[in-house]
Amino acid sequence: MKIIRDGKVYVQKKDLDDLLNVVSSLSILVPPIVLDKVFIDIFICFGNDMYDFLPFDGDEMINFFKGLDYIVDYDDLKDKTKEEIIIYIESIDDEINKIAFEFNQMNEKTREQEFEKINSLCYSKKLKMNAARDFLLFKEGKLNFNIPTIDNDIDNQKNNLIKEKKELGIKQLVKSIFNKR
């Protein structure tokens, strides 16, 4: 997942872990500054650590990560309902199935020539689908990780929900008091 805020892009380690494979297999040009900044530190991606975000700044970094479709953008999902996220995941799955169907319709020679490219494209879409699934689990409270710079947004949403529940409870209490008389 990526989050773009205040001249920075925050990217989860798990997406950075896949970066080299995805860009090389899909022939995506990587600006030297990105290579220098992303691969200067060596990190091991495991367990919940893989959901940690690493910050990068500068227009070139932001534009590069904006253009990587396989990394889900937080802003694209944050306001979606569970049902909308499920539909989003299913639409990615439909894209993969369409690509696979078209690949299977190719003649053998074309399939041999296109295999690596098509396989990499499907792999990148599966990464995106898995990231959307992880976000859904996060939103449901079944997966925990910290969202940088915007924890206040989430806190505000939770506080608003609590406030709405309290107001509803007070209304029900008042109704029950007056209904008894």
C-alpha atoms as a PDB file:
ATOM      1  CA  MET A   1       0.000   0.000   0.000  1.00  0.00           C
ATOM      2  CA  LYS A   2       1.132   3.544  -0.626  1.00  0.00           C
ATOM      3  CA  ILE A   3       0.084   6.778   0.995  1.00  0.00           C
ATOM      4  CA  ILE A   4       0.956  10.145  -0.484  1.00  0.00           C
ATOM      5  CA  ARG A   5       0.893  13.077   1.938  1.00  0.00           C
ATOM      6  CA  ASP A   6       2.691  16.378   2.368  1.00  0.00           C
ATOM      7  CA  GLY A   7       5.419  15.849  -0.237  1.00  0.00           C
ATOM      8  CA  LYS A   8       6.131  12.262   0.827  1.00  0.00           C
ATOM      9  CA  VAL A   9       5.158   8.817  -0.268  1.00  0.00           C
ATOM     10  CA  TYR A  10       4.924   6.075   2.335  1.00  0.00           C
ATOM     11  CA  VAL A  11       5.226   2.528   1.002  1.00  0.00           C
ATOM     12  CA  GLN A  12       4.768  -0.731   2.863  1.00  0.00           C
ATOM     13  CA  LYS A  13       7.840  -2.953   3.085  1.00  0.00           C
ATOM     14  CA  LYS A  14       6.002  -5.857   1.490  1.00  0.00           C
ATOM     15  CA  ASP A  15       5.458  -3.773  -1.661  1.00  0.00           C
ATOM     16  CA  LEU A  16       9.093  -2.683  -1.689  1.00  0.00           C
ATOM     17  CA  ASP A  17      10.082  -6.328  -1.305  1.00  0.00           C
ATOM     18  CA  ASP A  18       8.278  -7.111  -4.579  1.00  0.00           C
ATOM     19  CA  LEU A  19       9.439  -3.941  -6.346  1.00  0.00           C
ATOM     20  CA  LEU A  20      12.537  -5.265  -8.062  1.00  0.00           C
ATOM     21  CA  ASN A  21      10.757  -8.365  -9.383  1.00  0.00           C
ATOM     22  CA  VAL A  22       7.789  -6.397 -10.685  1.00  0.00           C
ATOM     23  CA  VAL A  23       9.694  -3.580 -12.396  1.00  0.00           C
ATOM     24  CA  SER A  24      12.225  -5.920 -14.003  1.00  0.00           C
ATOM     25  CA  SER A  25       9.640  -8.403 -15.244  1.00  0.00           C
ATOM     26  CA  LEU A  26       7.328  -5.680 -16.575  1.00  0.00           C
ATOM     27  CA  SER A  27      10.222  -3.612 -18.007  1.00  0.00           C
ATOM     28  CA  ILE A  28       9.340  -0.545 -15.946  1.00  0.00           C
ATOM     29  CA  LEU A  29      12.069   2.084 -16.012  1.00  0.00           C
ATOM     30  CA  VAL A  30      13.281   2.982 -12.554  1.00  0.00           C
ATOM     31  CA  PRO A  31      14.905   6.386 -12.070  1.00  0.00           C
ATOM     32  CA  PRO A  32      18.369   6.112 -10.480  1.00  0.00           C
ATOM     33  CA  ILE A  33      17.253   8.181  -7.476  1.00  0.00           C
ATOM     34  CA  VAL A  34      14.585   5.571  -6.732  1.00  0.00           C
ATOM     35  CA  LEU A  35      17.116   2.755  -6.887  1.00  0.00           C
ATOM     36  CA  ASP A  36      19.472   4.695  -4.628  1.00  0.00           C
ATOM     37  CA  LYS A  37      16.839   5.547  -2.027  1.00  0.00           C
ATOM     38  CA  VAL A  38      14.839   2.323  -2.036  1.00  0.00           C
ATOM     39  CA  PHE A  39      17.664  -0.177  -2.153  1.00  0.00           C
ATOM     40  CA  ILE A  40      20.234   1.690  -0.062  1.00  0.00           C
ATOM     41  CA  ASP A  41      19.006   0.038   3.138  1.00  0.00           C
ATOM     42  CA  ILE A  42      18.771  -3.695   3.424  1.00  0.00           C
ATOM     43  CA  PHE A  43      15.745  -4.945   5.308  1.00  0.00           C
ATOM     44  CA  ILE A  44      14.124  -8.280   5.901  1.00  0.00           C
ATOM     45  CA  CYS A  45      10.410  -8.404   5.351  1.00  0.00           C
ATOM     46  CA  PHE A  46       8.598 -10.823   7.677  1.00  0.00           C
ATOM     47  CA  GLY A  47       5.541 -11.148   9.883  1.00  0.00           C
ATOM     48  CA  ASN A  48       3.811  -7.920  10.836  1.00  0.00           C
ATOM     49  CA  ASP A  49       7.028  -6.070   9.980  1.00  0.00           C
ATOM     50  CA  MET A  50       6.037  -6.334   6.324  1.00  0.00           C
ATOM     51  CA  TYR A  51       3.170  -3.917   6.937  1.00  0.00           C
ATOM     52  CA  ASP A  52       5.495  -1.153   8.173  1.00  0.00           C
ATOM     53  CA  PHE A  53       5.694   1.917   5.957  1.00  0.00           C
ATOM     54  CA  LEU A  54       8.944   3.491   4.798  1.00  0.00           C
ATOM     55  CA  PRO A  55       8.892   7.191   3.840  1.00  0.00           C
ATOM     56  CA  PHE A  56      10.384   8.646   0.663  1.00  0.00           C
ATOM     57  CA  ASP A  57      10.327  12.268  -0.363  1.00  0.00           C
ATOM     58  CA  GLY A  58      10.749  14.236  -3.552  1.00  0.00           C
ATOM     59  CA  ASP A  59       8.658  14.618  -6.680  1.00  0.00           C
ATOM     60  CA  GLU A  60      10.526  11.924  -8.593  1.00  0.00           C
ATOM     61  CA  MET A  61       9.897   9.372  -5.842  1.00  0.00           C
ATOM     62  CA  ILE A  62       6.240  10.354  -5.527  1.00  0.00           C
ATOM     63  CA  ASN A  63       5.647  10.222  -9.289  1.00  0.00           C
ATOM     64  CA  PHE A  64       7.371   6.860  -9.604  1.00  0.00           C
ATOM     65  CA  PHE A  65       5.291   5.226  -6.876  1.00  0.00           C
ATOM     66  CA  LYS A  66       2.101   6.914  -8.118  1.00  0.00           C
ATOM     67  CA  GLY A  67       2.645   5.151 -11.432  1.00  0.00           C
ATOM     68  CA  LEU A  68       2.993   1.674  -9.925  1.00  0.00           C
ATOM     69  CA  ASP A  69      -0.449   0.191 -10.330  1.00  0.00           C
ATOM     70  CA  TYR A  70       0.321  -2.972  -8.364  1.00  0.00           C
ATOM     71  CA  ILE A  71       0.694  -0.946  -5.148  1.00  0.00           C
ATOM     72  CA  VAL A  72      -2.746  -0.067  -3.809  1.00  0.00           C
ATOM     73  CA  ASP A  73      -3.264   3.591  -2.941  1.00  0.00           C
ATOM     74  CA  TYR A  74      -4.740   4.102   0.524  1.00  0.00           C
ATOM     75  CA  ASP A  75      -6.871   6.989  -0.722  1.00  0.00           C
ATOM     76  CA  ASP A  76      -8.548   4.715  -3.276  1.00  0.00           C
ATOM     77  CA  LEU A  77      -9.843   2.390  -0.558  1.00  0.00           C
ATOM     78  CA  LYS A  78     -10.112   4.329   2.703  1.00  0.00           C
ATOM     79  CA  ASP A  79     -13.717   5.481   2.222  1.00  0.00           C
ATOM     80  CA  LYS A  80     -15.049   2.315   0.592  1.00  0.00           C
ATOM     81  CA  THR A  81     -17.439   0.007   2.397  1.00  0.00           C
ATOM     82  CA  LYS A  82     -16.692  -3.683   2.903  1.00  0.00           C
ATOM     83  CA  GLU A  83     -18.939  -4.537  -0.022  1.00  0.00           C
ATOM     84  CA  GLU A  84     -17.235  -1.980  -2.292  1.00  0.00           C
ATOM     85  CA  ILE A  85     -13.792  -3.359  -1.410  1.00  0.00           C
ATOM     86  CA  ILE A  86     -14.986  -6.892  -2.145  1.00  0.00           C
ATOM     87  CA  ILE A  87     -16.292  -5.711  -5.531  1.00  0.00           C
ATOM     88  CA  TYR A  88     -12.916  -4.016  -6.138  1.00  0.00           C
ATOM     89  CA  ILE A  89     -11.085  -7.283  -5.325  1.00  0.00           C
ATOM     90  CA  GLU A  90     -13.436  -9.242  -7.572  1.00  0.00           C
ATOM     91  CA  SER A  91     -12.840  -6.784 -10.428  1.00  0.00           C
ATOM     92  CA  ILE A  92      -9.086  -7.395 -10.176  1.00  0.00           C
ATOM     93  CA  ASP A  93      -9.742 -11.136 -10.181  1.00  0.00           C
ATOM     94  CA  ASP A  94     -11.893 -10.655 -13.299  1.00  0.00           C
ATOM     95  CA  GLU A  95      -8.989  -8.807 -14.968  1.00  0.00           C
ATOM     96  CA  ILE A  96      -6.654 -11.711 -14.181  1.00  0.00           C
ATOM     97  CA  ASN A  97      -9.162 -14.214 -15.577  1.00  0.00           C
ATOM     98  CA  LYS A  98      -9.572 -12.130 -18.741  1.00  0.00           C
ATOM     99  CA  ILE A  99      -5.801 -11.980 -19.245  1.00  0.00           C
ATOM    100  CA  ALA A 100      -5.515 -15.740 -18.661  1.00  0.00           C
ATOM    101  CA  PHE A 101      -8.369 -16.436 -21.090  1.00  0.00           C
ATOM    102  CA  GLU A 102      -6.764 -14.278 -23.790  1.00  0.00           C
ATOM    103  CA  PHE A 103      -3.416 -15.949 -23.171  1.00  0.00           C
ATOM    104  CA  ASN A 104      -4.961 -19.393 -23.521  1.00  0.00           C
ATOM    105  CA  GLN A 105      -6.495 -18.356 -26.851  1.00  0.00           C
ATOM    106  CA  MET A 106      -3.071 -17.500 -28.312  1.00  0.00           C
ATOM    107  CA  ASN A 107      -1.248 -19.900 -30.550  1.00  0.00           C
ATOM    108  CA  GLU A 108       1.611 -21.845 -28.993  1.00  0.00           C
ATOM    109  CA  LYS A 109       4.374 -19.702 -30.459  1.00  0.00           C
ATOM    110  CA  THR A 110       2.790 -16.453 -29.228  1.00  0.00           C
ATOM    111  CA  ARG A 111       2.186 -17.987 -25.797  1.00  0.00           C
ATOM    112  CA  GLU A 112       5.866 -18.883 -25.553  1.00  0.00           C
ATOM    113  CA  GLN A 113       6.851 -15.334 -26.517  1.00  0.00           C
ATOM    114  CA  GLU A 114       4.361 -13.641 -24.185  1.00  0.00           C
ATOM    115  CA  PHE A 115       4.494 -16.012 -21.227  1.00  0.00           C
ATOM    116  CA  GLU A 116       6.887 -14.056 -18.984  1.00  0.00           C
ATOM    117  CA  LYS A 117       5.176 -10.733 -19.637  1.00  0.00           C
ATOM    118  CA  ILE A 118       1.661 -12.124 -19.090  1.00  0.00           C
ATOM    119  CA  ASN A 119       2.735 -14.101 -16.023  1.00  0.00           C
ATOM    120  CA  SER A 120       4.333 -10.974 -14.516  1.00  0.00           C
ATOM    121  CA  LEU A 121       1.239  -8.917 -15.248  1.00  0.00           C
ATOM    122  CA  CYS A 122      -0.978 -11.488 -13.512  1.00  0.00           C
ATOM    123  CA  TYR A 123       1.462 -11.636 -10.596  1.00  0.00           C
ATOM    124  CA  SER A 124       1.347  -7.848 -10.165  1.00  0.00           C
ATOM    125  CA  LYS A 125      -2.458  -7.920 -10.224  1.00  0.00           C
ATOM    126  CA  LYS A 126      -2.466 -10.674  -7.583  1.00  0.00           C
ATOM    127  CA  LEU A 127      -0.249  -8.475  -5.405  1.00  0.00           C
ATOM    128  CA  LYS A 128      -2.780  -5.673  -5.794  1.00  0.00           C
ATOM    129  CA  MET A 129      -5.659  -8.002  -4.997  1.00  0.00           C
ATOM    130  CA  ASN A 130      -3.877  -9.297  -1.878  1.00  0.00           C
ATOM    131  CA  ALA A 131      -3.147  -5.729  -0.741  1.00  0.00           C
ATOM    132  CA  ALA A 132      -6.838  -4.835  -1.085  1.00  0.00           C
ATOM    133  CA  ARG A 133      -7.723  -7.936   0.925  1.00  0.00           C
ATOM    134  CA  ASP A 134      -5.214  -6.907   3.608  1.00  0.00           C
ATOM    135  CA  PHE A 135      -6.761  -3.448   3.709  1.00  0.00           C
ATOM    136  CA  LEU A 136     -10.203  -4.970   4.180  1.00  0.00           C
ATOM    137  CA  LEU A 137      -8.869  -7.053   7.074  1.00  0.00           C
ATOM    138  CA  PHE A 138      -7.273  -3.899   8.508  1.00  0.00           C
ATOM    139  CA  LYS A 139     -10.521  -1.980   8.189  1.00  0.00           C
ATOM    140  CA  GLU A 140     -12.395  -4.797   9.946  1.00  0.00           C
ATOM    141  CA  GLY A 141      -9.828  -4.800  12.775  1.00  0.00           C
ATOM    142  CA  LYS A 142      -8.535  -8.287  11.908  1.00  0.00           C
ATOM    143  CA  LEU A 143      -5.099  -7.050  10.814  1.00  0.00           C
ATOM    144  CA  ASN A 144      -3.207  -4.336  12.631  1.00  0.00           C
ATOM    145  CA  PHE A 145      -0.623  -1.947  11.278  1.00  0.00           C
ATOM    146  CA  ASN A 146       0.090   1.739  11.671  1.00  0.00           C
ATOM    147  CA  ILE A 147      -0.899   4.201   8.993  1.00  0.00           C
ATOM    148  CA  PRO A 148       1.664   7.029   8.979  1.00  0.00           C
ATOM    149  CA  THR A 149       0.647  10.693   9.164  1.00  0.00           C
ATOM    150  CA  ILE A 150      -3.025   9.939   9.005  1.00  0.00           C
ATOM    151  CA  ASP A 151      -3.711   8.079  12.218  1.00  0.00           C
ATOM    152  CA  ASN A 152      -5.698  11.181  13.178  1.00  0.00           C
ATOM    153  CA  ASP A 153      -8.076  10.489  10.269  1.00  0.00           C
ATOM    154  CA  ILE A 154      -8.739   7.004  11.613  1.00  0.00           C
ATOM    155  CA  ASP A 155      -9.036   8.270  15.192  1.00  0.00           C
ATOM    156  CA  ASN A 156     -11.542  10.876  14.006  1.00  0.00           C
ATOM    157  CA  GLN A 157     -13.575   8.191  12.237  1.00  0.00           C
ATOM    158  CA  LYS A 158     -13.568   5.999  15.362  1.00  0.00           C
ATOM    159  CA  ASN A 159     -14.475   8.966  17.587  1.00  0.00           C
ATOM    160  CA  ASN A 160     -17.337   9.901  15.268  1.00  0.00           C
ATOM    161  CA  LEU A 161     -18.626   6.332  15.403  1.00  0.00           C
ATOM    162  CA  ILE A 162     -18.444   6.317  19.212  1.00  0.00           C
ATOM    163  CA  LYS A 163     -20.175   9.698  19.331  1.00  0.00           C
ATOM    164  CA  GLU A 164     -22.964   8.451  17.031  1.00  0.00           C
ATOM    165  CA  LYS A 165     -23.456   5.352  19.204  1.00  0.00           C
ATOM    166  CA  LYS A 166     -23.594   7.482  22.376  1.00  0.00           C
ATOM    167  CA  GLU A 167     -26.123   9.849  20.798  1.00  0.00           C
ATOM    168  CA  LEU A 168     -28.225   6.902  19.692  1.00  0.00           C
ATOM    169  CA  GLY A 169     -28.006   5.422  23.200  1.00  0.00           C
ATOM    170  CA  ILE A 170     -29.066   8.708  24.788  1.00  0.00           C
ATOM    171  CA  LYS A 171     -32.001   9.007  22.361  1.00  0.00           C
ATOM    172  CA  GLN A 172     -33.104   5.463  23.177  1.00  0.00           C
ATOM    173  CA  LEU A 173     -32.762   6.142  26.914  1.00  0.00           C
ATOM    174  CA  VAL A 174     -34.872   9.314  26.643  1.00  0.00           C
ATOM    175  CA  LYS A 175     -37.515   7.457  24.596  1.00  0.00           C
ATOM    176  CA  SER A 176     -37.656   4.634  27.129  1.00  0.00           C
ATOM    177  CA  ILE A 177     -38.087   7.107  30.027  1.00  0.00           C
ATOM    178  CA  PHE A 178     -40.926   8.973  28.331  1.00  0.00           C
ATOM    179  CA  ASN A 179     -42.603   5.827  27.026  1.00  0.00           C
ATOM    180  CA  LYS A 180     -42.960   4.479  30.589  1.00  0.00           C
ATOM    181  CA  ARG A 181     -45.039   7.463  31.680  1.00  0.00           C
END
